[in-house]
């Protein structure tokens, strides 16, 4: 009987830790977005900074950030989660802040979007 009690307490602890982690990341973040694009045929690169917001939503075991889905187990606070090479994406959560970057391109041109904000 004692073993069943300990198993139930452990299961509740594990489930509650996962919920604390998700609520820590989800929500609306306010900050600045920097947009850059370039092309071989362009004389000038386009660079723009705007005030913006990002909403982070929980969908099952994944966080949805813009068009990207990240599995919760892949996130580690204070470390960047990264994927891709030419089509590159990275995200980092630090306390109540988010750092997001998406870029794509090749030799002919490309773009980069970065966001840093706070909840």
C-alpha atoms as a PDB file:
ATOM      1  CA  UNK A   1       0.000   0.000   0.000  1.00  0.00           C
ATOM      2  CA  UNK A   2       2.873   2.362   0.789  1.00  0.00           C
ATOM      3  CA  UNK A   3       4.375   1.763  -2.640  1.00  0.00           C
ATOM      4  CA  UNK A   4       1.139   2.737  -4.367  1.00  0.00           C
ATOM      5  CA  UNK A   5       1.062   5.969  -2.350  1.00  0.00           C
ATOM      6  CA  UNK A   6       4.645   6.842  -3.353  1.00  0.00           C
ATOM      7  CA  UNK A   7       3.948   6.075  -7.011  1.00  0.00           C
ATOM      8  CA  UNK A   8       0.869   8.341  -6.991  1.00  0.00           C
ATOM      9  CA  UNK A   9       2.774  11.176  -5.286  1.00  0.00           C
ATOM     10  CA  UNK A  10       5.647  10.819  -7.770  1.00  0.00           C
ATOM     11  CA  UNK A  11       3.234  10.853 -10.744  1.00  0.00           C
ATOM     12  CA  UNK A  12       1.524  14.011  -9.458  1.00  0.00           C
ATOM     13  CA  UNK A  13       4.917  15.662  -9.003  1.00  0.00           C
ATOM     14  CA  UNK A  14       6.024  14.822 -12.560  1.00  0.00           C
ATOM     15  CA  UNK A  15       2.753  16.062 -14.085  1.00  0.00           C
ATOM     16  CA  UNK A  16       2.833  19.303 -12.094  1.00  0.00           C
ATOM     17  CA  UNK A  17       6.457  19.981 -13.107  1.00  0.00           C
ATOM     18  CA  UNK A  18       5.496  19.703 -16.774  1.00  0.00           C
ATOM     19  CA  UNK A  19       2.575  22.140 -16.294  1.00  0.00           C
ATOM     20  CA  UNK A  20       4.842  24.630 -14.487  1.00  0.00           C
ATOM     21  CA  UNK A  21       7.288  24.465 -17.395  1.00  0.00           C
ATOM     22  CA  UNK A  22       4.601  25.089 -20.026  1.00  0.00           C
ATOM     23  CA  UNK A  23       2.953  27.979 -18.208  1.00  0.00           C
ATOM     24  CA  UNK A  24       6.376  29.529 -17.822  1.00  0.00           C
ATOM     25  CA  UNK A  25       6.777  29.788 -21.627  1.00  0.00           C
ATOM     26  CA  UNK A  26       3.224  30.387 -22.896  1.00  0.00           C
ATOM     27  CA  UNK A  27       1.761  33.856 -23.236  1.00  0.00           C
ATOM     28  CA  UNK A  28       2.229  37.093 -25.111  1.00  0.00           C
ATOM     29  CA  UNK A  29       5.670  38.676 -25.407  1.00  0.00           C
ATOM     30  CA  UNK A  30       6.194  42.350 -26.316  1.00  0.00           C
ATOM     31  CA  UNK A  31       9.372  43.641 -27.911  1.00  0.00           C
ATOM     32  CA  UNK A  32      11.111  44.518 -31.162  1.00  0.00           C
ATOM     33  CA  UNK A  33      11.325  42.652 -34.443  1.00  0.00           C
ATOM     34  CA  UNK A  34      14.248  43.270 -36.763  1.00  0.00           C
ATOM     35  CA  UNK A  35      13.714  42.318 -40.407  1.00  0.00           C
ATOM     36  CA  UNK A  36      16.560  42.104 -42.899  1.00  0.00           C
ATOM     37  CA  UNK A  37      16.562  40.931 -46.502  1.00  0.00           C
ATOM     38  CA  UNK A  38      19.126  40.912 -49.259  1.00  0.00           C
ATOM     39  CA  UNK A  39      19.435  39.999 -52.905  1.00  0.00           C
ATOM     40  CA  UNK A  40      22.176  39.878 -55.499  1.00  0.00           C
ATOM     41  CA  UNK A  41      20.250  42.343 -57.677  1.00  0.00           C
ATOM     42  CA  UNK A  42      19.500  44.805 -54.860  1.00  0.00           C
ATOM     43  CA  UNK A  43      21.765  47.785 -54.440  1.00  0.00           C
ATOM     44  CA  UNK A  44      20.640  48.229 -50.827  1.00  0.00           C
ATOM     45  CA  UNK A  45      19.705  45.672 -48.219  1.00  0.00           C
ATOM     46  CA  UNK A  46      16.376  46.145 -46.465  1.00  0.00           C
ATOM     47  CA  UNK A  47      16.662  46.583 -42.702  1.00  0.00           C
ATOM     48  CA  UNK A  48      13.675  47.477 -40.577  1.00  0.00           C
ATOM     49  CA  UNK A  49      12.930  47.413 -36.839  1.00  0.00           C
ATOM     50  CA  UNK A  50       9.344  47.493 -35.561  1.00  0.00           C
ATOM     51  CA  UNK A  51       7.557  47.225 -32.213  1.00  0.00           C
ATOM     52  CA  UNK A  52       5.844  43.847 -32.244  1.00  0.00           C
ATOM     53  CA  UNK A  53       4.483  40.980 -30.159  1.00  0.00           C
ATOM     54  CA  UNK A  54       4.660  37.178 -30.313  1.00  0.00           C
ATOM     55  CA  UNK A  55       2.131  34.778 -28.831  1.00  0.00           C
ATOM     56  CA  UNK A  56       3.445  31.424 -27.588  1.00  0.00           C
ATOM     57  CA  UNK A  57       0.710  28.768 -27.433  1.00  0.00           C
ATOM     58  CA  UNK A  58       0.725  25.230 -26.041  1.00  0.00           C
ATOM     59  CA  UNK A  59      -0.504  22.541 -28.460  1.00  0.00           C
ATOM     60  CA  UNK A  60      -0.243  19.164 -26.774  1.00  0.00           C
ATOM     61  CA  UNK A  61       3.446  18.506 -26.068  1.00  0.00           C
ATOM     62  CA  UNK A  62       4.538  21.323 -28.400  1.00  0.00           C
ATOM     63  CA  UNK A  63       4.920  25.071 -28.150  1.00  0.00           C
ATOM     64  CA  UNK A  64       3.719  26.986 -31.205  1.00  0.00           C
ATOM     65  CA  UNK A  65       5.825  30.100 -31.883  1.00  0.00           C
ATOM     66  CA  UNK A  66       4.781  31.781 -35.112  1.00  0.00           C
ATOM     67  CA  UNK A  67       4.882  28.906 -37.653  1.00  0.00           C
ATOM     68  CA  UNK A  68       7.370  26.818 -35.656  1.00  0.00           C
ATOM     69  CA  UNK A  69       6.499  23.928 -33.342  1.00  0.00           C
ATOM     70  CA  UNK A  70       8.991  22.954 -30.643  1.00  0.00           C
ATOM     71  CA  UNK A  71       8.633  19.849 -28.471  1.00  0.00           C
ATOM     72  CA  UNK A  72       8.673  20.773 -24.778  1.00  0.00           C
ATOM     73  CA  UNK A  73      11.399  18.238 -24.021  1.00  0.00           C
ATOM     74  CA  UNK A  74      13.690  20.033 -26.493  1.00  0.00           C
ATOM     75  CA  UNK A  75      13.652  23.288 -24.521  1.00  0.00           C
ATOM     76  CA  UNK A  76      16.189  24.137 -21.875  1.00  0.00           C
ATOM     77  CA  UNK A  77      15.947  27.552 -20.268  1.00  0.00           C
ATOM     78  CA  UNK A  78      18.939  29.844 -20.892  1.00  0.00           C
ATOM     79  CA  UNK A  79      20.047  27.745 -23.907  1.00  0.00           C
ATOM     80  CA  UNK A  80      19.183  28.206 -27.563  1.00  0.00           C
ATOM     81  CA  UNK A  81      17.076  25.583 -29.288  1.00  0.00           C
ATOM     82  CA  UNK A  82      18.257  25.499 -32.906  1.00  0.00           C
ATOM     83  CA  UNK A  83      17.270  23.659 -36.062  1.00  0.00           C
ATOM     84  CA  UNK A  84      18.073  23.905 -39.739  1.00  0.00           C
ATOM     85  CA  UNK A  85      20.936  25.262 -41.781  1.00  0.00           C
ATOM     86  CA  UNK A  86      19.850  27.440 -44.725  1.00  0.00           C
ATOM     87  CA  UNK A  87      16.307  27.483 -43.346  1.00  0.00           C
ATOM     88  CA  UNK A  88      17.462  28.289 -39.801  1.00  0.00           C
ATOM     89  CA  UNK A  89      15.403  28.746 -36.638  1.00  0.00           C
ATOM     90  CA  UNK A  90      16.475  29.385 -33.045  1.00  0.00           C
ATOM     91  CA  UNK A  91      14.676  30.265 -29.833  1.00  0.00           C
ATOM     92  CA  UNK A  92      15.742  30.879 -26.258  1.00  0.00           C
ATOM     93  CA  UNK A  93      13.744  31.564 -23.106  1.00  0.00           C
ATOM     94  CA  UNK A  94      15.398  33.412 -20.209  1.00  0.00           C
ATOM     95  CA  UNK A  95      13.214  34.213 -17.192  1.00  0.00           C
ATOM     96  CA  UNK A  96      10.300  36.199 -18.729  1.00  0.00           C
ATOM     97  CA  UNK A  97      12.107  36.950 -22.001  1.00  0.00           C
ATOM     98  CA  UNK A  98      12.152  35.311 -25.417  1.00  0.00           C
ATOM     99  CA  UNK A  99      14.766  35.480 -28.184  1.00  0.00           C
ATOM    100  CA  UNK A 100      13.600  34.226 -31.584  1.00  0.00           C
ATOM    101  CA  UNK A 101      15.344  34.125 -34.951  1.00  0.00           C
ATOM    102  CA  UNK A 102      14.305  32.752 -38.326  1.00  0.00           C
ATOM    103  CA  UNK A 103      16.330  33.056 -41.508  1.00  0.00           C
ATOM    104  CA  UNK A 104      16.342  31.523 -44.941  1.00  0.00           C
ATOM    105  CA  UNK A 105      18.343  32.098 -48.062  1.00  0.00           C
ATOM    106  CA  UNK A 106      21.243  31.161 -50.195  1.00  0.00           C
ATOM    107  CA  UNK A 107      23.639  32.716 -52.660  1.00  0.00           C
ATOM    108  CA  UNK A 108      20.916  34.678 -54.489  1.00  0.00           C
ATOM    109  CA  UNK A 109      19.520  36.380 -51.398  1.00  0.00           C
ATOM    110  CA  UNK A 110      17.473  35.736 -48.332  1.00  0.00           C
ATOM    111  CA  UNK A 111      15.892  37.156 -45.229  1.00  0.00           C
ATOM    112  CA  UNK A 112      16.275  37.182 -41.469  1.00  0.00           C
ATOM    113  CA  UNK A 113      13.683  37.967 -38.787  1.00  0.00           C
ATOM    114  CA  UNK A 114      14.686  38.292 -35.153  1.00  0.00           C
ATOM    115  CA  UNK A 115      12.562  39.144 -32.139  1.00  0.00           C
ATOM    116  CA  UNK A 116      13.477  39.883 -28.549  1.00  0.00           C
ATOM    117  CA  UNK A 117      10.799  40.616 -26.009  1.00  0.00           C
ATOM    118  CA  UNK A 118       9.440  40.237 -22.505  1.00  0.00           C
ATOM    119  CA  UNK A 119       6.156  38.856 -21.151  1.00  0.00           C
END
